[in-house]
Amino acid sequence: MMALMIVGLGALLLLVLRRAPQLVLESRGLLLLVVAVLLPALLISVVLLPPPPIVLLGIATLVALAALLTPGRTATTPQCGTIAA
């Protein structure tokens, strides 16, 4: 069940990054929400689950925290009606 949550969260983040990159690249709000979901999941998995979900959640949490600590970048998406070069 935890593996399904990890895969679902990852798929959701990839969809958001593809459809609305400015939410990820220009704001820290989504990353804070991801960390707020991952930290309790990591703590629950440490107490209740075997090592594989703990490792996956630990990696996901570290990646989200690393993304929070890096300086922000601006999204470069083409505007409607323009052709990307």
PDB file of N, CA and C in Angstrom:
ATOM      1  N   MET A   1       0.821  -1.188   0.000  1.00  0.00           N
ATOM      2  CA  MET A   1       0.000   0.000   0.000  1.00  0.00           C
ATOM      3  C   MET A   1       0.875   1.266   0.000  1.00  0.00           C
ATOM      4  N   MET A   2       1.955   1.254   0.765  1.00  0.00           N
ATOM      5  CA  MET A   2       2.847   2.413   0.790  1.00  0.00           C
ATOM      6  C   MET A   2       3.541   2.587  -0.556  1.00  0.00           C
ATOM      7  N   ALA A   3       3.891   1.472  -1.206  1.00  0.00           N
ATOM      8  CA  ALA A   3       4.516   1.577  -2.524  1.00  0.00           C
ATOM      9  C   ALA A   3       3.559   2.220  -3.519  1.00  0.00           C
ATOM     10  N   LEU A   4       2.285   1.880  -3.418  1.00  0.00           N
ATOM     11  CA  LEU A   4       1.287   2.488  -4.287  1.00  0.00           C
ATOM     12  C   LEU A   4       1.183   3.986  -4.021  1.00  0.00           C
ATOM     13  N   MET A   5       1.287   4.396  -2.763  1.00  0.00           N
ATOM     14  CA  MET A   5       1.255   5.814  -2.432  1.00  0.00           C
ATOM     15  C   MET A   5       2.473   6.534  -3.027  1.00  0.00           C
ATOM     16  N   ILE A   6       3.631   5.896  -2.941  1.00  0.00           N
ATOM     17  CA  ILE A   6       4.845   6.521  -3.471  1.00  0.00           C
ATOM     18  C   ILE A   6       4.741   6.680  -4.987  1.00  0.00           C
ATOM     19  N   VAL A   7       4.297   5.634  -5.667  1.00  0.00           N
ATOM     20  CA  VAL A   7       4.160   5.691  -7.121  1.00  0.00           C
ATOM     21  C   VAL A   7       3.098   6.715  -7.514  1.00  0.00           C
ATOM     22  N   GLY A   8       1.981   6.746  -6.806  1.00  0.00           N
ATOM     23  CA  GLY A   8       0.928   7.706  -7.103  1.00  0.00           C
ATOM     24  C   GLY A   8       1.371   9.146  -6.898  1.00  0.00           C
ATOM     25  N   LEU A   9       2.088   9.390  -5.823  1.00  0.00           N
ATOM     26  CA  LEU A   9       2.586  10.747  -5.568  1.00  0.00           C
ATOM     27  C   LEU A   9       3.591  11.160  -6.635  1.00  0.00           C
ATOM     28  N   GLY A  10       4.472  10.249  -7.003  1.00  0.00           N
ATOM     29  CA  GLY A  10       5.437  10.548  -8.067  1.00  0.00           C
ATOM     30  C   GLY A  10       4.758  10.831  -9.398  1.00  0.00           C
ATOM     31  N   ALA A  11       3.745  10.028  -9.740  1.00  0.00           N
ATOM     32  CA  ALA A  11       3.015  10.241 -10.985  1.00  0.00           C
ATOM     33  C   ALA A  11       2.275  11.575 -10.958  1.00  0.00           C
ATOM     34  N   LEU A  12       1.695  11.907  -9.821  1.00  0.00           N
ATOM     35  CA  LEU A  12       1.000  13.186  -9.685  1.00  0.00           C
ATOM     36  C   LEU A  12       1.965  14.359  -9.861  1.00  0.00           C
ATOM     37  N   LEU A  13       3.143  14.259  -9.266  1.00  0.00           N
ATOM     38  CA  LEU A  13       4.125  15.337  -9.400  1.00  0.00           C
ATOM     39  C   LEU A  13       4.611  15.474 -10.836  1.00  0.00           C
ATOM     40  N   LEU A  14       4.818  14.344 -11.529  1.00  0.00           N
ATOM     41  CA  LEU A  14       5.224  14.420 -12.932  1.00  0.00           C
ATOM     42  C   LEU A  14       4.140  15.052 -13.794  1.00  0.00           C
ATOM     43  N   LEU A  15       2.887  14.741 -13.511  1.00  0.00           N
ATOM     44  CA  LEU A  15       1.782  15.338 -14.248  1.00  0.00           C
ATOM     45  C   LEU A  15       1.722  16.842 -14.003  1.00  0.00           C
ATOM     46  N   VAL A  16       1.873  17.247 -12.757  1.00  0.00           N
ATOM     47  CA  VAL A  16       1.867  18.683 -12.438  1.00  0.00           C
ATOM     48  C   VAL A  16       3.045  19.381 -13.115  1.00  0.00           C
ATOM     49  N   LEU A  17       4.213  18.766 -13.087  1.00  0.00           N
ATOM     50  CA  LEU A  17       5.389  19.368 -13.715  1.00  0.00           C
ATOM     51  C   LEU A  17       5.201  19.506 -15.219  1.00  0.00           C
ATOM     52  N   ARG A  18       4.534  18.544 -15.822  1.00  0.00           N
ATOM     53  CA  ARG A  18       4.306  18.604 -17.270  1.00  0.00           C
ATOM     54  C   ARG A  18       3.231  19.637 -17.638  1.00  0.00           C
ATOM     55  N   ARG A  19       2.154  19.687 -16.872  1.00  0.00           N
ATOM     56  CA  ARG A  19       1.026  20.556 -17.215  1.00  0.00           C
ATOM     57  C   ARG A  19       1.180  21.987 -16.686  1.00  0.00           C
ATOM     58  N   ALA A  20       1.797  22.142 -15.529  1.00  0.00           N
ATOM     59  CA  ALA A  20       1.935  23.472 -14.917  1.00  0.00           C
ATOM     60  C   ALA A  20       3.307  23.601 -14.270  1.00  0.00           C
ATOM     61  N   PRO A  21       4.358  23.708 -15.072  1.00  0.00           N
ATOM     62  CA  PRO A  21       5.716  23.749 -14.496  1.00  0.00           C
ATOM     63  C   PRO A  21       5.962  24.934 -13.574  1.00  0.00           C
ATOM     64  N   GLN A  22       5.222  26.022 -13.754  1.00  0.00           N
ATOM     65  CA  GLN A  22       5.431  27.187 -12.891  1.00  0.00           C
ATOM     66  C   GLN A  22       5.081  26.875 -11.439  1.00  0.00           C
ATOM     67  N   LEU A  23       4.175  25.917 -11.197  1.00  0.00           N
ATOM     68  CA  LEU A  23       3.846  25.546  -9.820  1.00  0.00           C
ATOM     69  C   LEU A  23       5.048  24.931  -9.104  1.00  0.00           C
ATOM     70  N   VAL A  24       5.886  24.245  -9.857  1.00  0.00           N
ATOM     71  CA  VAL A  24       7.044  23.583  -9.259  1.00  0.00           C
ATOM     72  C   VAL A  24       8.268  24.485  -9.309  1.00  0.00           C
ATOM     73  N   LEU A  25       8.474  25.164 -10.422  1.00  0.00           N
ATOM     74  CA  LEU A  25       9.707  25.910 -10.617  1.00  0.00           C
ATOM     75  C   LEU A  25       9.705  27.293  -9.987  1.00  0.00           C
ATOM     76  N   GLU A  26       8.538  27.926  -9.883  1.00  0.00           N
ATOM     77  CA  GLU A  26       8.496  29.298  -9.371  1.00  0.00           C
ATOM     78  C   GLU A  26       8.033  29.408  -7.927  1.00  0.00           C
ATOM     79  N   SER A  27       7.477  28.338  -7.373  1.00  0.00           N
ATOM     80  CA  SER A  27       6.911  28.404  -6.034  1.00  0.00           C
ATOM     81  C   SER A  27       7.434  27.252  -5.188  1.00  0.00           C
ATOM     82  N   ARG A  28       7.506  27.483  -3.916  1.00  0.00           N
ATOM     83  CA  ARG A  28       7.923  26.432  -2.976  1.00  0.00           C
ATOM     84  C   ARG A  28       6.729  25.742  -2.328  1.00  0.00           C
ATOM     85  N   GLY A  29       5.528  26.228  -2.574  1.00  0.00           N
ATOM     86  CA  GLY A  29       4.333  25.699  -1.918  1.00  0.00           C
ATOM     87  C   GLY A  29       4.092  24.220  -2.200  1.00  0.00           C
ATOM     88  N   LEU A  30       4.203  23.822  -3.456  1.00  0.00           N
ATOM     89  CA  LEU A  30       3.979  22.421  -3.803  1.00  0.00           C
ATOM     90  C   LEU A  30       5.040  21.528  -3.169  1.00  0.00           C
ATOM     91  N   LEU A  31       6.283  21.982  -3.174  1.00  0.00           N
ATOM     92  CA  LEU A  31       7.346  21.181  -2.550  1.00  0.00           C
ATOM     93  C   LEU A  31       7.146  21.066  -1.042  1.00  0.00           C
ATOM     94  N   LEU A  32       6.681  22.131  -0.411  1.00  0.00           N
ATOM     95  CA  LEU A  32       6.379  22.056   1.022  1.00  0.00           C
ATOM     96  C   LEU A  32       5.256  21.060   1.293  1.00  0.00           C
ATOM     97  N   LEU A  33       4.263  21.039   0.420  1.00  0.00           N
ATOM     98  CA  LEU A  33       3.179  20.078   0.562  1.00  0.00           C
ATOM     99  C   LEU A  33       3.689  18.643   0.398  1.00  0.00           C
ATOM    100  N   VAL A  34       4.573  18.430  -0.558  1.00  0.00           N
ATOM    101  CA  VAL A  34       5.149  17.096  -0.771  1.00  0.00           C
ATOM    102  C   VAL A  34       5.925  16.654   0.462  1.00  0.00           C
ATOM    103  N   VAL A  35       6.730  17.539   1.018  1.00  0.00           N
ATOM    104  CA  VAL A  35       7.495  17.194   2.224  1.00  0.00           C
ATOM    105  C   VAL A  35       6.544  16.942   3.392  1.00  0.00           C
ATOM    106  N   ALA A  36       5.461  17.717   3.475  1.00  0.00           N
ATOM    107  CA  ALA A  36       4.487  17.515   4.551  1.00  0.00           C
ATOM    108  C   ALA A  36       3.793  16.161   4.430  1.00  0.00           C
ATOM    109  N   VAL A  37       3.675  15.621   3.236  1.00  0.00           N
ATOM    110  CA  VAL A  37       3.093  14.295   3.044  1.00  0.00           C
ATOM    111  C   VAL A  37       4.140  13.208   3.270  1.00  0.00           C
ATOM    112  N   LEU A  38       5.359  13.435   2.797  1.00  0.00           N
ATOM    113  CA  LEU A  38       6.390  12.403   2.858  1.00  0.00           C
ATOM    114  C   LEU A  38       6.961  12.180   4.258  1.00  0.00           C
ATOM    115  N   LEU A  39       7.121  13.235   5.033  1.00  0.00           N
ATOM    116  CA  LEU A  39       7.722  13.052   6.365  1.00  0.00           C
ATOM    117  C   LEU A  39       6.877  12.164   7.283  1.00  0.00           C
ATOM    118  N   PRO A  40       5.574  12.396   7.415  1.00  0.00           N
ATOM    119  CA  PRO A  40       4.787  11.466   8.240  1.00  0.00           C
ATOM    120  C   PRO A  40       4.764  10.049   7.660  1.00  0.00           C
ATOM    121  N   ALA A  41       4.723   9.942   6.331  1.00  0.00           N
ATOM    122  CA  ALA A  41       4.747   8.613   5.712  1.00  0.00           C
ATOM    123  C   ALA A  41       6.058   7.901   6.025  1.00  0.00           C
ATOM    124  N   LEU A  42       7.155   8.644   6.026  1.00  0.00           N
ATOM    125  CA  LEU A  42       8.455   8.052   6.368  1.00  0.00           C
ATOM    126  C   LEU A  42       8.472   7.603   7.822  1.00  0.00           C
ATOM    127  N   LEU A  43       7.956   8.420   8.714  1.00  0.00           N
ATOM    128  CA  LEU A  43       7.928   8.041  10.129  1.00  0.00           C
ATOM    129  C   LEU A  43       7.044   6.822  10.368  1.00  0.00           C
ATOM    130  N   ILE A  44       5.892   6.765   9.713  1.00  0.00           N
ATOM    131  CA  ILE A  44       5.014   5.599   9.849  1.00  0.00           C
ATOM    132  C   ILE A  44       5.683   4.358   9.299  1.00  0.00           C
ATOM    133  N   SER A  45       6.373   4.474   8.168  1.00  0.00           N
ATOM    134  CA  SER A  45       7.017   3.302   7.579  1.00  0.00           C
ATOM    135  C   SER A  45       8.175   2.806   8.430  1.00  0.00           C
ATOM    136  N   VAL A  46       8.883   3.707   9.107  1.00  0.00           N
ATOM    137  CA  VAL A  46       9.974   3.277   9.987  1.00  0.00           C
ATOM    138  C   VAL A  46       9.427   2.432  11.127  1.00  0.00           C
ATOM    139  N   VAL A  47       8.274   2.810  11.637  1.00  0.00           N
ATOM    140  CA  VAL A  47       7.691   2.096  12.772  1.00  0.00           C
ATOM    141  C   VAL A  47       7.012   0.790  12.347  1.00  0.00           C
ATOM    142  N   LEU A  48       6.326   0.793  11.212  1.00  0.00           N
ATOM    143  CA  LEU A  48       5.442  -0.317  10.894  1.00  0.00           C
ATOM    144  C   LEU A  48       5.868  -1.219   9.735  1.00  0.00           C
ATOM    145  N   LEU A  49       6.733  -0.772   8.867  1.00  0.00           N
ATOM    146  CA  LEU A  49       6.962  -1.498   7.619  1.00  0.00           C
ATOM    147  C   LEU A  49       8.382  -2.050   7.493  1.00  0.00           C
ATOM    148  N   PRO A  50       8.577  -3.007   6.566  1.00  0.00           N
ATOM    149  CA  PRO A  50       9.917  -3.534   6.300  1.00  0.00           C
ATOM    150  C   PRO A  50      10.772  -2.512   5.537  1.00  0.00           C
ATOM    151  N   PRO A  51      12.052  -2.797   5.365  1.00  0.00           N
ATOM    152  CA  PRO A  51      12.993  -1.825   4.792  1.00  0.00           C
ATOM    153  C   PRO A  51      12.692  -1.266   3.397  1.00  0.00           C
ATOM    154  N   PRO A  52      12.172  -2.006   2.412  1.00  0.00           N
ATOM    155  CA  PRO A  52      12.025  -1.386   1.081  1.00  0.00           C
ATOM    156  C   PRO A  52      11.208  -0.100   1.053  1.00  0.00           C
ATOM    157  N   PRO A  53      10.021  -0.033   1.688  1.00  0.00           N
ATOM    158  CA  PRO A  53       9.309   1.253   1.662  1.00  0.00           C
ATOM    159  C   PRO A  53      10.048   2.355   2.419  1.00  0.00           C
ATOM    160  N   ILE A  54      10.777   1.985   3.450  1.00  0.00           N
ATOM    161  CA  ILE A  54      11.533   2.977   4.210  1.00  0.00           C
ATOM    162  C   ILE A  54      12.597   3.604   3.323  1.00  0.00           C
ATOM    163  N   VAL A  55      13.288   2.785   2.553  1.00  0.00           N
ATOM    164  CA  VAL A  55      14.333   3.295   1.666  1.00  0.00           C
ATOM    165  C   VAL A  55      13.726   4.185   0.591  1.00  0.00           C
ATOM    166  N   LEU A  56      12.626   3.741  -0.025  1.00  0.00           N
ATOM    167  CA  LEU A  56      11.994   4.544  -1.077  1.00  0.00           C
ATOM    168  C   LEU A  56      11.470   5.867  -0.537  1.00  0.00           C
ATOM    169  N   LEU A  57      10.818   5.837   0.600  1.00  0.00           N
ATOM    170  CA  LEU A  57      10.312   7.079   1.192  1.00  0.00           C
ATOM    171  C   LEU A  57      11.453   7.983   1.642  1.00  0.00           C
ATOM    172  N   GLY A  58      12.524   7.395   2.147  1.00  0.00           N
ATOM    173  CA  GLY A  58      13.682   8.192   2.535  1.00  0.00           C
ATOM    174  C   GLY A  58      14.302   8.905   1.349  1.00  0.00           C
ATOM    175  N   ILE A  59      14.439   8.189   0.239  1.00  0.00           N
ATOM    176  CA  ILE A  59      14.995   8.800  -0.974  1.00  0.00           C
ATOM    177  C   ILE A  59      14.068   9.907  -1.477  1.00  0.00           C
ATOM    178  N   ALA A  60      12.768   9.639  -1.521  1.00  0.00           N
ATOM    179  CA  ALA A  60      11.812  10.642  -1.994  1.00  0.00           C
ATOM    180  C   ALA A  60      11.837  11.882  -1.101  1.00  0.00           C
ATOM    181  N   THR A  61      11.932  11.684   0.205  1.00  0.00           N
ATOM    182  CA  THR A  61      11.974  12.819   1.131  1.00  0.00           C
ATOM    183  C   THR A  61      13.246  13.631   0.934  1.00  0.00           C
ATOM    184  N   LEU A  62      14.380  12.960   0.782  1.00  0.00           N
ATOM    185  CA  LEU A  62      15.642  13.669   0.567  1.00  0.00           C
ATOM    186  C   LEU A  62      15.631  14.460  -0.738  1.00  0.00           C
ATOM    187  N   VAL A  63      15.069  13.884  -1.780  1.00  0.00           N
ATOM    188  CA  VAL A  63      14.994  14.588  -3.060  1.00  0.00           C
ATOM    189  C   VAL A  63      14.102  15.823  -2.950  1.00  0.00           C
ATOM    190  N   ALA A  64      12.965  15.691  -2.276  1.00  0.00           N
ATOM    191  CA  ALA A  64      12.074  16.845  -2.100  1.00  0.00           C
ATOM    192  C   ALA A  64      12.741  17.924  -1.257  1.00  0.00           C
ATOM    193  N   LEU A  65      13.445  17.532  -0.209  1.00  0.00           N
ATOM    194  CA  LEU A  65      14.155  18.521   0.612  1.00  0.00           C
ATOM    195  C   LEU A  65      15.281  19.184  -0.171  1.00  0.00           C
ATOM    196  N   ALA A  66      15.995  18.416  -0.991  1.00  0.00           N
ATOM    197  CA  ALA A  66      17.052  18.999  -1.828  1.00  0.00           C
ATOM    198  C   ALA A  66      16.455  20.000  -2.816  1.00  0.00           C
ATOM    199  N   ALA A  67      15.290  19.681  -3.369  1.00  0.00           N
ATOM    200  CA  ALA A  67      14.634  20.612  -4.292  1.00  0.00           C
ATOM    201  C   ALA A  67      14.210  21.886  -3.569  1.00  0.00           C
ATOM    202  N   LEU A  68      13.795  21.760  -2.314  1.00  0.00           N
ATOM    203  CA  LEU A  68      13.427  22.950  -1.544  1.00  0.00           C
ATOM    204  C   LEU A  68      14.627  23.842  -1.257  1.00  0.00           C
ATOM    205  N   LEU A  69      15.789  23.236  -1.083  1.00  0.00           N
ATOM    206  CA  LEU A  69      16.975  23.999  -0.714  1.00  0.00           C
ATOM    207  C   LEU A  69      17.705  24.620  -1.900  1.00  0.00           C
ATOM    208  N   THR A  70      17.406  24.180  -3.121  1.00  0.00           N
ATOM    209  CA  THR A  70      18.061  24.758  -4.288  1.00  0.00           C
ATOM    210  C   THR A  70      17.399  26.071  -4.654  1.00  0.00           C
ATOM    211  N   PRO A  71      18.165  26.983  -5.232  1.00  0.00           N
ATOM    212  CA  PRO A  71      17.563  28.256  -5.641  1.00  0.00           C
ATOM    213  C   PRO A  71      16.509  28.031  -6.724  1.00  0.00           C
ATOM    214  N   GLY A  72      15.492  28.863  -6.725  1.00  0.00           N
ATOM    215  CA  GLY A  72      14.410  28.722  -7.698  1.00  0.00           C
ATOM    216  C   GLY A  72      14.846  29.086  -9.104  1.00  0.00           C
ATOM    217  N   ARG A  73      14.185  28.454 -10.066  1.00  0.00           N
ATOM    218  CA  ARG A  73      14.412  28.767 -11.472  1.00  0.00           C
ATOM    219  C   ARG A  73      13.077  29.187 -12.071  1.00  0.00           C
ATOM    220  N   THR A  74      13.129  29.973 -13.111  1.00  0.00           N
ATOM    221  CA  THR A  74      11.889  30.383 -13.757  1.00  0.00           C
ATOM    222  C   THR A  74      11.499  29.359 -14.808  1.00  0.00           C
ATOM    223  N   ALA A  75      10.217  29.179 -14.963  1.00  0.00           N
ATOM    224  CA  ALA A  75       9.718  28.238 -15.957  1.00  0.00           C
ATOM    225  C   ALA A  75       9.845  28.854 -17.337  1.00  0.00           C
ATOM    226  N   THR A  76      10.272  28.061 -18.295  1.00  0.00           N
ATOM    227  CA  THR A  76      10.376  28.522 -19.670  1.00  0.00           C
ATOM    228  C   THR A  76       9.401  27.718 -20.508  1.00  0.00           C
ATOM    229  N   THR A  77       8.166  28.148 -20.513  1.00  0.00           N
ATOM    230  CA  THR A  77       7.140  27.471 -21.295  1.00  0.00           C
ATOM    231  C   THR A  77       6.655  28.407 -22.384  1.00  0.00           C
ATOM    232  N   PRO A  78       6.395  27.867 -23.558  1.00  0.00           N
ATOM    233  CA  PRO A  78       5.898  28.726 -24.634  1.00  0.00           C
ATOM    234  C   PRO A  78       4.491  29.234 -24.333  1.00  0.00           C
ATOM    235  N   GLN A  79       4.206  30.435 -24.764  1.00  0.00           N
ATOM    236  CA  GLN A  79       2.887  31.024 -24.579  1.00  0.00           C
ATOM    237  C   GLN A  79       1.941  30.474 -25.644  1.00  0.00           C
ATOM    238  N   CYS A  80       0.668  30.570 -25.405  1.00  0.00           N
ATOM    239  CA  CYS A  80      -0.324  30.108 -26.379  1.00  0.00           C
ATOM    240  C   CYS A  80      -0.165  30.868 -27.693  1.00  0.00           C
ATOM    241  N   GLY A  81      -0.181  30.145 -28.779  1.00  0.00           N
ATOM    242  CA  GLY A  81      -0.091  30.766 -30.086  1.00  0.00           C
ATOM    243  C   GLY A  81       1.325  31.005 -30.573  1.00  0.00           C
ATOM    244  N   THR A  82       2.324  30.653 -29.775  1.00  0.00           N
ATOM    245  CA  THR A  82       3.707  30.827 -30.208  1.00  0.00           C
ATOM    246  C   THR A  82       4.317  29.466 -30.514  1.00  0.00           C
ATOM    247  N   ILE A  83       5.354  29.480 -31.279  1.00  0.00           N
ATOM    248  CA  ILE A  83       6.051  28.259 -31.647  1.00  0.00           C
ATOM    249  C   ILE A  83       7.365  28.218 -30.888  1.00  0.00           C
ATOM    250  N   ALA A  84       7.607  27.107 -30.218  1.00  0.00           N
ATOM    251  CA  ALA A  84       8.864  26.976 -29.471  1.00  0.00           C
ATOM    252  C   ALA A  84      10.028  26.816 -30.438  1.00  0.00           C
ATOM    253  N   ALA A  85      11.101  27.501 -30.175  1.00  0.00           N
ATOM    254  CA  ALA A  85      12.287  27.427 -31.062  1.00  0.00           C
ATOM    255  C   ALA A  85      13.162  26.272 -30.686  1.00  0.00           C
TER     256      ALA A  85
END
